[in-house]
Amino acid sequence: MNRLETWRGRALGVLALLLMLPLLSLAVTVFAEGVGVLDWAFLNGEPAQAGRSGGIGPIILSTAWVLAICLGLVVPLGLGTALFLVEQVRPDGRLNLTLQWALDGLGAVPSVVFGLFGHRLFVVELGWGYSLLAGGCTLACMVLPLFIRGCEQALRDCPHSYRQAAAGLTISRVGYLRRILLPFAAPGIAAALVLSAGRALAETAVLLFTAGYVMRWPESLFDSGRTLAVHIYDLAMNVSGGGPASAGTALVLLGFALLIQLAAWRIGQRPRSFAR
């Protein structure tokens, strides 16, 4: 039996390595092509020659604004909705089943449909035009179901005995949420935040319909701008000789994702230490 378990573990390890090979190959290729263009001028300068040369300073700023708008809407709305589902709605009730079905349905909607929706609502009806604000709000609509379901699952994992102990100690509802439930669910909430931010960072179709793709420095939230993902797509598909700049931009985008993951990990760890 021990020998069987040993061979099973080795087989799973080999399988994991095989699954990681394409990812490692992609990472090595992007690093080899893009590391040569990474310097301060590239990170801070303006694009030139349709992005073949120059830098990506305006694009980094546009990406940061769009992501800040998206997460600034998603985090309070998503966490509040998840708390409502867990604390106020009966798990076997009709309302809960209806909301779960609606969230799953919205999560399965293709991104291009959200792009058309955002274009019609924010760009046309509200008159915002192609702007960072329209792009961020549309991204928030797209990733909100994903964040809600992740937070909901993290909150539901809290043992019911914790609630009973809080009631026995006459801890208020607010005290239970702040000192027990949210600290317990913080790692799961942080994971949901990372997944939502990762999907928002990688999105292109939604932003082509709402934020536009100009490469100038944005002066307000109502200015048009392109994000890193849109810039990578444009350089790789439409600009001859844009391969090195595209790879360098991809490395910056990976850096963005790693910073978000690190920040979310720190946020997820802090409430637990505070609760103790």
Protein backbone atom coordinates (compact mmCIF):
# COMPACT_ATOMS: atom_id res chain seq x y z
CA MET A 1 0.00 0.00 0.00
CA ASN A 2 2.84 2.40 0.85
CA ARG A 3 4.53 1.60 -2.43
CA LEU A 4 1.29 2.31 -4.32
CA GLU A 5 0.93 5.64 -2.54
CA THR A 6 4.54 6.49 -3.36
CA TRP A 7 4.08 5.78 -7.07
CA ARG A 8 0.81 7.69 -7.09
CA GLY A 9 2.52 10.70 -5.55
CA ARG A 10 5.34 10.52 -8.09
CA ALA A 11 2.88 10.26 -10.96
CA LEU A 12 0.98 13.31 -9.73
CA GLY A 13 4.24 15.20 -9.40
CA VAL A 14 5.26 14.35 -12.96
CA LEU A 15 1.81 15.36 -14.20
CA ALA A 16 2.08 18.68 -12.37
CA LEU A 17 5.48 19.33 -13.97
CA LEU A 18 4.10 18.51 -17.43
CA LEU A 19 1.21 20.91 -16.89
CA MET A 20 3.63 23.64 -15.81
CA LEU A 21 5.91 23.26 -18.83
CA PRO A 22 3.77 25.38 -21.23
CA LEU A 23 3.47 28.13 -18.62
CA LEU A 24 7.21 28.07 -17.91
CA SER A 25 7.99 28.08 -21.62
CA LEU A 26 5.72 31.08 -22.15
CA ALA A 27 7.27 32.94 -19.22
CA VAL A 28 10.81 32.28 -20.42
CA THR A 29 9.96 33.38 -23.97
CA VAL A 30 8.29 36.61 -22.84
CA PHE A 31 11.15 37.37 -20.45
CA ALA A 32 13.79 36.75 -23.10
CA GLU A 33 12.06 39.02 -25.62
CA GLY A 34 10.98 41.78 -23.26
CA VAL A 35 13.72 42.18 -20.68
CA GLY A 36 15.89 44.10 -23.15
CA VAL A 37 13.44 47.01 -23.41
CA LEU A 38 12.74 47.37 -19.67
CA ASP A 39 14.25 50.53 -18.25
CA TRP A 40 13.05 53.74 -16.62
CA ALA A 41 12.50 55.44 -19.97
CA PHE A 42 10.25 52.58 -21.07
CA LEU A 43 8.20 52.68 -17.87
CA ASN A 44 7.86 56.47 -17.76
CA GLY A 45 8.03 57.62 -21.39
CA GLU A 46 5.34 58.16 -24.00
CA PRO A 47 4.82 55.66 -26.84
CA ALA A 48 6.31 56.52 -30.23
CA GLN A 49 5.96 55.05 -33.71
CA ALA A 50 2.65 53.35 -32.87
CA GLY A 51 4.24 51.78 -29.79
CA ARG A 52 7.31 50.28 -31.45
CA SER A 53 9.55 52.61 -29.45
CA GLY A 54 9.21 55.02 -26.59
CA GLY A 55 7.59 53.98 -23.34
CA ILE A 56 4.31 52.96 -21.74
CA GLY A 57 3.92 55.59 -19.03
CA PRO A 58 0.44 56.76 -20.12
CA ILE A 59 -0.68 53.16 -20.50
CA ILE A 60 0.43 52.23 -16.98
CA LEU A 61 -1.45 55.24 -15.60
CA SER A 62 -4.59 54.38 -17.58
CA THR A 63 -4.42 50.77 -16.36
CA ALA A 64 -4.07 51.90 -12.74
CA TRP A 65 -7.07 54.23 -13.03
CA VAL A 66 -9.29 51.64 -14.68
CA LEU A 67 -8.35 48.99 -12.12
CA ALA A 68 -8.87 51.41 -9.21
CA ILE A 69 -12.35 52.31 -10.48
CA CYS A 70 -13.23 48.67 -11.00
CA LEU A 71 -12.08 47.44 -7.59
CA GLY A 72 -13.39 50.55 -5.84
CA LEU A 73 -16.88 49.55 -6.99
CA VAL A 74 -16.53 45.78 -6.76
CA VAL A 75 -15.12 45.42 -3.23
CA PRO A 76 -17.84 47.26 -1.23
CA LEU A 77 -20.73 46.11 -3.44
CA GLY A 78 -19.49 42.52 -3.68
CA LEU A 79 -18.62 42.10 -0.02
CA GLY A 80 -21.89 43.71 1.05
CA THR A 81 -23.88 41.43 -1.24
CA ALA A 82 -22.02 38.35 0.01
CA LEU A 83 -22.71 39.33 3.63
CA PHE A 84 -26.38 39.81 2.77
CA LEU A 85 -26.59 36.36 1.17
CA VAL A 86 -24.87 34.66 4.10
CA GLU A 87 -26.40 36.56 7.01
CA GLN A 88 -29.88 37.57 5.84
CA VAL A 89 -31.04 35.07 3.21
CA ARG A 90 -32.10 31.52 4.05
CA PRO A 91 -29.87 29.01 2.22
CA ASP A 92 -32.85 26.93 1.09
CA GLY A 93 -35.11 29.89 0.33
CA ARG A 94 -36.41 30.90 -3.07
CA LEU A 95 -34.65 34.26 -2.93
CA ASN A 96 -31.27 32.62 -2.37
CA LEU A 97 -31.78 30.17 -5.23
CA THR A 98 -32.85 33.01 -7.55
CA LEU A 99 -29.83 35.14 -6.65
CA GLN A 100 -27.45 32.19 -7.02
CA TRP A 101 -28.87 31.45 -10.46
CA ALA A 102 -28.56 35.11 -11.46
CA LEU A 103 -24.93 35.32 -10.28
CA ASP A 104 -23.97 32.11 -12.08
CA GLY A 105 -25.70 33.34 -15.25
CA LEU A 106 -23.92 36.70 -15.15
CA GLY A 107 -20.61 34.98 -14.54
CA ALA A 108 -21.05 32.95 -17.73
CA VAL A 109 -21.82 35.96 -19.96
CA PRO A 110 -19.04 36.53 -22.57
CA SER A 111 -16.95 39.62 -22.04
CA VAL A 112 -17.84 41.06 -25.43
CA VAL A 113 -21.49 41.18 -24.33
CA PHE A 114 -20.48 43.20 -21.28
CA GLY A 115 -18.55 45.44 -23.66
CA LEU A 116 -21.64 46.09 -25.76
CA PHE A 117 -23.69 46.69 -22.61
CA GLY A 118 -21.12 49.14 -21.23
CA HIS A 119 -20.87 50.94 -24.55
CA ARG A 120 -24.62 51.42 -24.73
CA LEU A 121 -25.13 52.42 -21.08
CA PHE A 122 -22.02 54.36 -20.10
CA VAL A 123 -20.67 55.61 -23.41
CA VAL A 124 -23.94 56.46 -25.19
CA GLU A 125 -26.81 56.80 -22.72
CA LEU A 126 -24.90 58.46 -19.85
CA GLY A 127 -22.79 60.47 -22.27
CA TRP A 128 -19.42 59.60 -20.75
CA GLY A 129 -17.92 58.77 -24.14
CA TYR A 130 -14.92 56.51 -24.50
CA SER A 131 -13.39 57.08 -21.08
CA LEU A 132 -11.52 55.41 -18.25
CA LEU A 133 -14.60 55.80 -16.07
CA ALA A 134 -16.78 53.93 -18.56
CA GLY A 135 -14.19 51.17 -18.87
CA GLY A 136 -13.77 50.77 -15.12
CA CYS A 137 -17.52 50.66 -14.47
CA THR A 138 -18.04 48.07 -17.20
CA LEU A 139 -15.23 45.92 -15.83
CA ALA A 140 -16.86 46.17 -12.40
CA CYS A 141 -20.11 44.83 -13.83
CA MET A 142 -18.20 41.94 -15.39
CA VAL A 143 -16.14 40.80 -12.38
CA LEU A 144 -18.72 41.55 -9.68
CA PRO A 145 -20.42 38.09 -9.86
CA LEU A 146 -17.04 36.36 -9.56
CA PHE A 147 -16.08 38.41 -6.51
CA ILE A 148 -19.47 37.89 -4.85
CA ARG A 149 -19.34 34.11 -5.22
CA GLY A 150 -15.77 33.96 -3.92
CA CYS A 151 -16.60 36.08 -0.87
CA GLU A 152 -19.79 34.15 -0.24
CA GLN A 153 -17.97 30.83 -0.20
CA ALA A 154 -15.31 32.21 2.14
CA LEU A 155 -17.97 33.53 4.53
CA ARG A 156 -19.96 30.27 4.49
CA ASP A 157 -16.85 28.31 5.46
CA CYS A 158 -16.91 29.91 8.91
CA PRO A 159 -18.08 27.19 11.38
CA HIS A 160 -21.55 27.64 12.85
CA SER A 161 -20.08 27.02 16.30
CA TYR A 162 -18.37 30.42 16.06
CA ARG A 163 -21.76 32.08 15.73
CA GLN A 164 -23.11 30.10 18.65
CA ALA A 165 -20.12 31.05 20.80
CA ALA A 166 -20.56 34.72 19.88
CA ALA A 167 -24.24 34.53 20.84
CA GLY A 168 -23.34 32.88 24.13
CA LEU A 169 -20.92 35.70 24.89
CA THR A 170 -23.60 38.27 23.93
CA ILE A 171 -21.41 39.71 21.19
CA SER A 172 -23.34 42.09 18.94
CA ARG A 173 -23.95 41.39 15.26
CA VAL A 174 -21.47 44.08 14.25
CA GLY A 175 -18.91 42.72 16.67
CA TYR A 176 -19.37 39.19 15.31
CA LEU A 177 -18.89 40.40 11.74
CA ARG A 178 -15.89 42.57 12.51
CA ARG A 179 -14.04 40.39 15.00
CA ILE A 180 -14.94 36.84 13.96
CA LEU A 181 -16.55 36.35 10.55
CA LEU A 182 -14.55 38.77 8.41
CA PRO A 183 -11.15 37.86 9.95
CA PHE A 184 -11.90 34.16 9.40
CA ALA A 185 -12.95 34.74 5.78
CA ALA A 186 -10.16 37.23 4.99
CA PRO A 187 -7.92 34.76 3.06
CA GLY A 188 -10.84 33.66 0.89
CA ILE A 189 -11.88 37.26 0.28
CA ALA A 190 -8.30 38.09 -0.69
CA ALA A 191 -8.28 35.16 -3.14
CA ALA A 192 -11.53 36.42 -4.68
CA LEU A 193 -9.95 39.86 -5.00
CA VAL A 194 -6.91 38.44 -6.79
CA LEU A 195 -9.07 36.47 -9.23
CA SER A 196 -11.27 39.49 -9.95
CA ALA A 197 -8.32 41.83 -10.44
CA GLY A 198 -6.58 39.28 -12.65
CA ARG A 199 -9.58 38.99 -14.92
CA ALA A 200 -9.93 42.77 -15.08
CA LEU A 201 -6.24 43.24 -15.92
CA ALA A 202 -6.35 40.69 -18.74
CA GLU A 203 -9.51 42.05 -20.38
CA THR A 204 -9.39 43.64 -23.84
CA ALA A 205 -12.80 43.35 -25.54
CA VAL A 206 -14.67 45.23 -22.81
CA LEU A 207 -12.21 48.12 -22.88
CA LEU A 208 -12.13 48.43 -26.65
CA PHE A 209 -15.87 49.15 -26.50
CA THR A 210 -15.74 51.54 -23.54
CA ALA A 211 -12.32 52.99 -22.67
CA GLY A 212 -10.91 53.30 -26.18
CA TYR A 213 -7.27 52.84 -27.09
CA VAL A 214 -5.53 56.21 -27.36
CA MET A 215 -1.97 56.37 -26.03
CA ARG A 216 -1.81 59.89 -24.57
CA TRP A 217 -1.56 60.80 -20.90
CA PRO A 218 -5.04 60.83 -19.33
CA GLU A 219 -5.90 64.13 -17.63
CA SER A 220 -9.21 63.06 -16.08
CA LEU A 221 -11.41 59.99 -15.67
CA PHE A 222 -13.41 61.12 -18.69
CA ASP A 223 -10.39 60.86 -21.00
CA SER A 224 -9.94 57.87 -23.25
CA GLY A 225 -6.99 55.58 -22.68
CA ARG A 226 -5.68 52.10 -23.35
CA THR A 227 -4.68 49.54 -20.77
CA LEU A 228 -1.67 47.24 -20.78
CA ALA A 229 -3.67 44.29 -22.12
CA VAL A 230 -5.08 46.35 -24.99
CA HIS A 231 -1.58 47.67 -25.76
CA ILE A 232 -0.16 44.15 -25.86
CA TYR A 233 -2.93 43.05 -28.22
CA ASP A 234 -2.43 46.04 -30.53
CA LEU A 235 1.35 45.64 -30.71
CA ALA A 236 1.18 41.89 -31.28
CA MET A 237 -1.60 41.92 -33.90
CA ASN A 238 -1.55 45.29 -35.65
CA VAL A 239 1.95 46.80 -35.39
CA SER A 240 4.78 45.39 -37.45
CA GLY A 241 7.94 45.08 -35.39
CA GLY A 242 6.10 45.54 -32.10
CA GLY A 243 7.17 42.21 -30.62
CA PRO A 244 9.83 43.45 -28.16
CA ALA A 245 7.63 46.27 -26.85
CA SER A 246 4.72 43.86 -26.57
CA ALA A 247 6.83 41.40 -24.54
CA GLY A 248 8.12 44.19 -22.31
CA THR A 249 4.57 45.38 -21.69
CA ALA A 250 3.58 41.81 -20.85
CA LEU A 251 6.30 41.69 -18.19
CA VAL A 252 4.96 44.91 -16.68
CA LEU A 253 1.46 43.42 -16.68
CA LEU A 254 2.76 40.34 -14.86
CA GLY A 255 4.39 42.67 -12.35
CA PHE A 256 1.03 44.37 -11.82
CA ALA A 257 -0.58 40.99 -11.14
CA LEU A 258 2.14 39.96 -8.68
CA LEU A 259 1.83 43.24 -6.78
CA ILE A 260 -1.93 42.77 -6.49
CA GLN A 261 -1.46 39.22 -5.28
CA LEU A 262 1.07 40.36 -2.66
CA ALA A 263 -1.18 43.17 -1.48
CA ALA A 264 -4.18 40.83 -1.25
CA TRP A 265 -2.11 38.31 0.71
CA ARG A 266 -1.10 41.01 3.19
CA ILE A 267 -4.71 42.17 3.51
CA GLY A 268 -5.83 38.59 4.08
CA GLN A 269 -3.26 38.04 6.83
CA ARG A 270 -3.74 41.27 8.76
CA PRO A 271 -7.34 40.74 10.01
CA ARG A 272 -6.49 37.36 11.53
CA SER A 273 -3.59 38.78 13.51
CA PHE A 274 -5.82 41.71 14.53
CA ALA A 275 -8.55 39.32 15.67
CA ARG A 276 -6.14 37.46 17.92
